[in-house]
């Protein structure tokens, strides 16, 4: 019996992650250097979209754990080509 697993190669990928809450730009280094855009919804809720390239799934998991540690609510996560993804606010 083979013990080899079909594991995809490590690949950097572009992500856009939107959370409910406002993140100060000072957190950029702690959050893997992601770019931030924050805005306020008409109902008063603050939203932040983080965008940038992460090295692999482990880096994505680490970032999501940090957002969880900040007690932010995950609204969306998109992965893809930055030139084809919808622009955030």
N, C-alpha and C. Protein backbone atom coordinates (compact mmCIF):
# COMPACT_ATOMS: atom_id res chain seq x y z
N UNK A 1 0.84 -1.18 0.00
CA UNK A 1 0.00 0.00 0.00
C UNK A 1 0.89 1.24 0.00
N UNK A 2 0.60 2.18 -0.88
CA UNK A 2 1.38 3.41 -0.99
C UNK A 2 0.98 4.38 0.13
N UNK A 3 1.98 5.03 0.70
CA UNK A 3 1.70 6.04 1.73
C UNK A 3 1.80 7.45 1.18
N UNK A 4 2.05 7.59 -0.13
CA UNK A 4 2.13 8.91 -0.74
C UNK A 4 0.76 9.55 -0.77
N UNK A 5 0.75 10.85 -0.51
CA UNK A 5 -0.49 11.60 -0.57
C UNK A 5 -0.42 12.53 -1.77
N UNK A 6 -1.54 12.77 -2.37
CA UNK A 6 -1.62 13.69 -3.50
C UNK A 6 -1.75 15.10 -2.95
N UNK A 7 -0.63 15.75 -2.67
CA UNK A 7 -0.61 17.07 -2.06
C UNK A 7 -0.25 18.09 -3.13
N UNK A 8 -1.08 19.12 -3.30
CA UNK A 8 -0.77 20.14 -4.31
C UNK A 8 0.50 20.90 -3.93
N UNK A 9 1.23 21.39 -4.92
CA UNK A 9 2.45 22.13 -4.62
C UNK A 9 2.13 23.42 -3.88
N UNK A 10 3.11 23.89 -3.12
CA UNK A 10 2.95 25.17 -2.43
C UNK A 10 2.84 26.27 -3.48
N UNK A 11 1.83 27.10 -3.34
CA UNK A 11 1.63 28.18 -4.30
C UNK A 11 1.17 29.43 -3.56
N UNK A 12 1.77 30.54 -3.92
CA UNK A 12 1.28 31.81 -3.42
C UNK A 12 -0.02 32.14 -4.12
N UNK A 13 -0.94 32.70 -3.39
CA UNK A 13 -2.23 33.06 -3.97
C UNK A 13 -2.68 34.41 -3.42
N UNK A 14 -3.45 35.12 -4.23
CA UNK A 14 -4.00 36.41 -3.86
C UNK A 14 -5.34 36.19 -3.15
N UNK A 15 -5.55 36.90 -2.05
CA UNK A 15 -6.79 36.78 -1.29
C UNK A 15 -7.38 38.15 -0.99
N UNK A 16 -8.70 38.21 -0.92
CA UNK A 16 -9.44 39.34 -0.36
C UNK A 16 -10.30 38.77 0.76
N UNK A 17 -10.11 39.33 1.95
CA UNK A 17 -10.84 38.88 3.13
C UNK A 17 -11.56 40.08 3.71
N UNK A 18 -12.87 39.98 3.87
CA UNK A 18 -13.65 41.07 4.45
C UNK A 18 -14.14 40.64 5.82
N UNK A 19 -13.94 41.53 6.79
CA UNK A 19 -14.36 41.28 8.16
C UNK A 19 -15.22 42.44 8.65
N UNK A 20 -16.07 42.14 9.61
CA UNK A 20 -16.84 43.19 10.26
C UNK A 20 -15.98 43.73 11.40
N UNK A 21 -15.69 45.00 11.33
CA UNK A 21 -14.84 45.65 12.32
C UNK A 21 -13.80 46.50 11.63
N UNK A 22 -13.18 47.35 12.39
CA UNK A 22 -12.17 48.26 11.83
C UNK A 22 -10.80 47.82 12.33
N UNK A 23 -9.86 47.68 11.39
CA UNK A 23 -8.50 47.30 11.74
C UNK A 23 -7.60 48.49 11.47
N UNK A 24 -6.82 48.87 12.45
CA UNK A 24 -5.88 49.97 12.30
C UNK A 24 -4.71 49.53 11.43
N UNK A 25 -4.18 50.43 10.64
CA UNK A 25 -3.06 50.12 9.73
C UNK A 25 -1.82 49.62 10.49
N UNK A 26 -1.71 49.93 11.77
CA UNK A 26 -0.57 49.47 12.57
C UNK A 26 -0.50 47.95 12.66
N UNK A 27 -1.60 47.27 12.37
CA UNK A 27 -1.65 45.81 12.46
C UNK A 27 -1.15 45.13 11.20
N UNK A 28 -0.78 45.88 10.17
CA UNK A 28 -0.41 45.30 8.88
C UNK A 28 0.71 44.27 8.98
N UNK A 29 1.77 44.57 9.71
CA UNK A 29 2.88 43.62 9.83
C UNK A 29 2.43 42.33 10.52
N UNK A 30 1.63 42.47 11.57
CA UNK A 30 1.15 41.30 12.31
C UNK A 30 0.20 40.46 11.46
N UNK A 31 -0.43 41.11 10.49
CA UNK A 31 -1.38 40.42 9.62
C UNK A 31 -0.75 40.18 8.24
N UNK A 32 0.49 39.71 8.23
CA UNK A 32 1.20 39.27 7.04
C UNK A 32 1.33 40.33 5.95
N UNK A 33 1.36 41.61 6.33
CA UNK A 33 1.57 42.68 5.36
C UNK A 33 0.40 42.93 4.42
N UNK A 34 -0.77 42.45 4.77
CA UNK A 34 -1.94 42.64 3.91
C UNK A 34 -2.29 44.14 3.84
N UNK A 35 -2.85 44.54 2.72
CA UNK A 35 -3.35 45.91 2.53
C UNK A 35 -4.76 45.99 3.11
N UNK A 36 -5.11 47.14 3.72
CA UNK A 36 -6.41 47.30 4.35
C UNK A 36 -7.19 48.44 3.69
N UNK A 37 -8.49 48.24 3.59
CA UNK A 37 -9.41 49.32 3.24
C UNK A 37 -10.58 49.18 4.21
N UNK A 38 -10.88 50.27 4.95
CA UNK A 38 -11.99 50.24 5.91
C UNK A 38 -13.05 51.25 5.50
N UNK A 39 -14.29 50.95 5.83
CA UNK A 39 -15.39 51.86 5.57
C UNK A 39 -16.49 51.60 6.57
N UNK A 40 -17.46 52.51 6.59
CA UNK A 40 -18.60 52.37 7.48
C UNK A 40 -19.85 52.17 6.64
N UNK A 41 -20.61 51.14 6.96
CA UNK A 41 -21.86 50.84 6.27
C UNK A 41 -22.92 51.86 6.69
N UNK A 42 -24.00 51.94 5.94
CA UNK A 42 -25.07 52.90 6.25
C UNK A 42 -25.72 52.61 7.61
N UNK A 43 -25.63 51.36 8.08
CA UNK A 43 -26.21 51.03 9.39
C UNK A 43 -25.22 51.27 10.53
N UNK A 44 -24.05 51.83 10.21
CA UNK A 44 -23.07 52.18 11.25
C UNK A 44 -21.99 51.14 11.49
N UNK A 45 -22.13 49.93 10.92
CA UNK A 45 -21.10 48.91 11.12
C UNK A 45 -19.84 49.26 10.35
N UNK A 46 -18.70 49.02 11.00
CA UNK A 46 -17.41 49.20 10.34
C UNK A 46 -17.03 47.89 9.66
N UNK A 47 -16.48 48.00 8.45
CA UNK A 47 -16.04 46.84 7.67
C UNK A 47 -14.61 47.10 7.22
N UNK A 48 -13.84 46.03 7.08
CA UNK A 48 -12.47 46.13 6.58
C UNK A 48 -12.23 45.00 5.59
N UNK A 49 -11.63 45.33 4.46
CA UNK A 49 -11.19 44.33 3.50
C UNK A 49 -9.67 44.31 3.50
N UNK A 50 -9.12 43.13 3.69
CA UNK A 50 -7.68 42.90 3.62
C UNK A 50 -7.41 42.25 2.27
N UNK A 51 -6.35 42.65 1.61
CA UNK A 51 -6.02 42.03 0.33
C UNK A 51 -4.51 41.88 0.22
N UNK A 52 -4.10 40.81 -0.46
CA UNK A 52 -2.69 40.58 -0.68
C UNK A 52 -2.40 39.13 -0.97
N UNK A 53 -1.12 38.85 -1.15
CA UNK A 53 -0.67 37.51 -1.49
C UNK A 53 -0.20 36.80 -0.23
N UNK A 54 -0.66 35.56 -0.08
CA UNK A 54 -0.21 34.70 1.01
C UNK A 54 0.53 33.51 0.41
N UNK A 55 1.55 33.05 1.11
CA UNK A 55 2.45 32.03 0.58
C UNK A 55 1.78 30.69 0.32
N UNK A 56 0.85 30.29 1.21
CA UNK A 56 0.24 28.97 1.09
C UNK A 56 -0.95 28.87 2.03
N UNK A 57 -1.55 27.69 2.11
CA UNK A 57 -2.71 27.48 2.96
C UNK A 57 -2.38 27.66 4.44
N UNK A 58 -1.18 27.33 4.84
CA UNK A 58 -0.77 27.52 6.24
C UNK A 58 -0.76 29.01 6.59
N UNK A 59 -0.29 29.83 5.67
CA UNK A 59 -0.29 31.28 5.90
C UNK A 59 -1.71 31.81 5.98
N UNK A 60 -2.60 31.30 5.12
CA UNK A 60 -4.01 31.71 5.18
C UNK A 60 -4.62 31.31 6.52
N UNK A 61 -4.37 30.11 6.95
CA UNK A 61 -4.90 29.65 8.25
C UNK A 61 -4.38 30.52 9.39
N UNK A 62 -3.10 30.85 9.36
CA UNK A 62 -2.52 31.70 10.39
C UNK A 62 -3.17 33.07 10.41
N UNK A 63 -3.43 33.64 9.24
CA UNK A 63 -4.08 34.94 9.16
C UNK A 63 -5.50 34.87 9.70
N UNK A 64 -6.24 33.83 9.32
CA UNK A 64 -7.60 33.69 9.82
C UNK A 64 -7.63 33.53 11.34
N UNK A 65 -6.67 32.82 11.89
CA UNK A 65 -6.58 32.68 13.34
C UNK A 65 -6.32 34.03 14.00
N UNK A 66 -5.46 34.84 13.40
CA UNK A 66 -5.19 36.18 13.97
C UNK A 66 -6.44 37.05 13.93
N UNK A 67 -7.19 36.99 12.84
CA UNK A 67 -8.44 37.75 12.76
C UNK A 67 -9.43 37.26 13.82
N UNK A 68 -9.47 35.95 14.04
CA UNK A 68 -10.31 35.38 15.09
C UNK A 68 -9.86 35.88 16.46
N UNK A 69 -8.52 35.93 16.67
CA UNK A 69 -7.98 36.42 17.94
C UNK A 69 -8.38 37.87 18.21
N UNK A 70 -8.56 38.65 17.12
CA UNK A 70 -9.00 40.04 17.26
C UNK A 70 -10.51 40.15 17.43
N UNK A 71 -11.20 38.99 17.45
CA UNK A 71 -12.65 38.92 17.65
C UNK A 71 -13.41 39.62 16.52
N UNK A 72 -12.90 39.48 15.28
CA UNK A 72 -13.56 40.06 14.12
C UNK A 72 -14.43 39.00 13.44
N UNK A 73 -15.55 39.45 12.88
CA UNK A 73 -16.48 38.55 12.22
C UNK A 73 -16.10 38.45 10.74
N UNK A 74 -15.87 37.23 10.27
CA UNK A 74 -15.53 36.99 8.86
C UNK A 74 -16.78 37.15 8.01
N UNK A 75 -16.74 38.04 7.03
CA UNK A 75 -17.88 38.25 6.13
C UNK A 75 -17.68 37.57 4.79
N UNK A 76 -16.43 37.58 4.28
CA UNK A 76 -16.18 36.89 3.01
C UNK A 76 -14.70 36.62 2.85
N UNK A 77 -14.40 35.60 2.04
CA UNK A 77 -13.04 35.26 1.69
C UNK A 77 -13.05 34.85 0.23
N UNK A 78 -12.22 35.53 -0.57
CA UNK A 78 -12.14 35.23 -1.99
C UNK A 78 -10.69 34.99 -2.35
N UNK A 79 -10.46 34.04 -3.23
CA UNK A 79 -9.11 33.75 -3.71
C UNK A 79 -9.14 33.82 -5.22
N UNK A 80 -8.13 34.44 -5.81
CA UNK A 80 -8.10 34.48 -7.27
C UNK A 80 -7.11 35.47 -7.81
N UNK A 81 -7.29 35.81 -9.03
CA UNK A 81 -6.45 36.75 -9.75
C UNK A 81 -6.88 38.17 -9.38
N UNK A 82 -5.97 39.00 -8.84
CA UNK A 82 -6.35 40.34 -8.41
C UNK A 82 -6.89 41.22 -9.54
N UNK A 83 -6.47 40.96 -10.78
CA UNK A 83 -6.95 41.78 -11.90
C UNK A 83 -8.36 41.41 -12.31
N UNK A 84 -8.83 40.24 -11.90
CA UNK A 84 -10.19 39.80 -12.27
C UNK A 84 -11.17 39.85 -11.12
N UNK A 85 -10.68 40.14 -9.91
CA UNK A 85 -11.57 40.17 -8.75
C UNK A 85 -12.24 41.54 -8.66
N UNK A 86 -13.45 41.54 -8.10
CA UNK A 86 -14.16 42.80 -7.95
C UNK A 86 -13.42 43.69 -6.96
N UNK A 87 -13.41 44.96 -7.26
CA UNK A 87 -12.76 45.92 -6.37
C UNK A 87 -13.65 46.13 -5.15
N UNK A 88 -12.99 46.25 -4.00
CA UNK A 88 -13.73 46.50 -2.76
C UNK A 88 -13.86 47.99 -2.57
N UNK A 89 -14.66 48.36 -1.58
CA UNK A 89 -14.94 49.79 -1.34
C UNK A 89 -13.69 50.54 -0.99
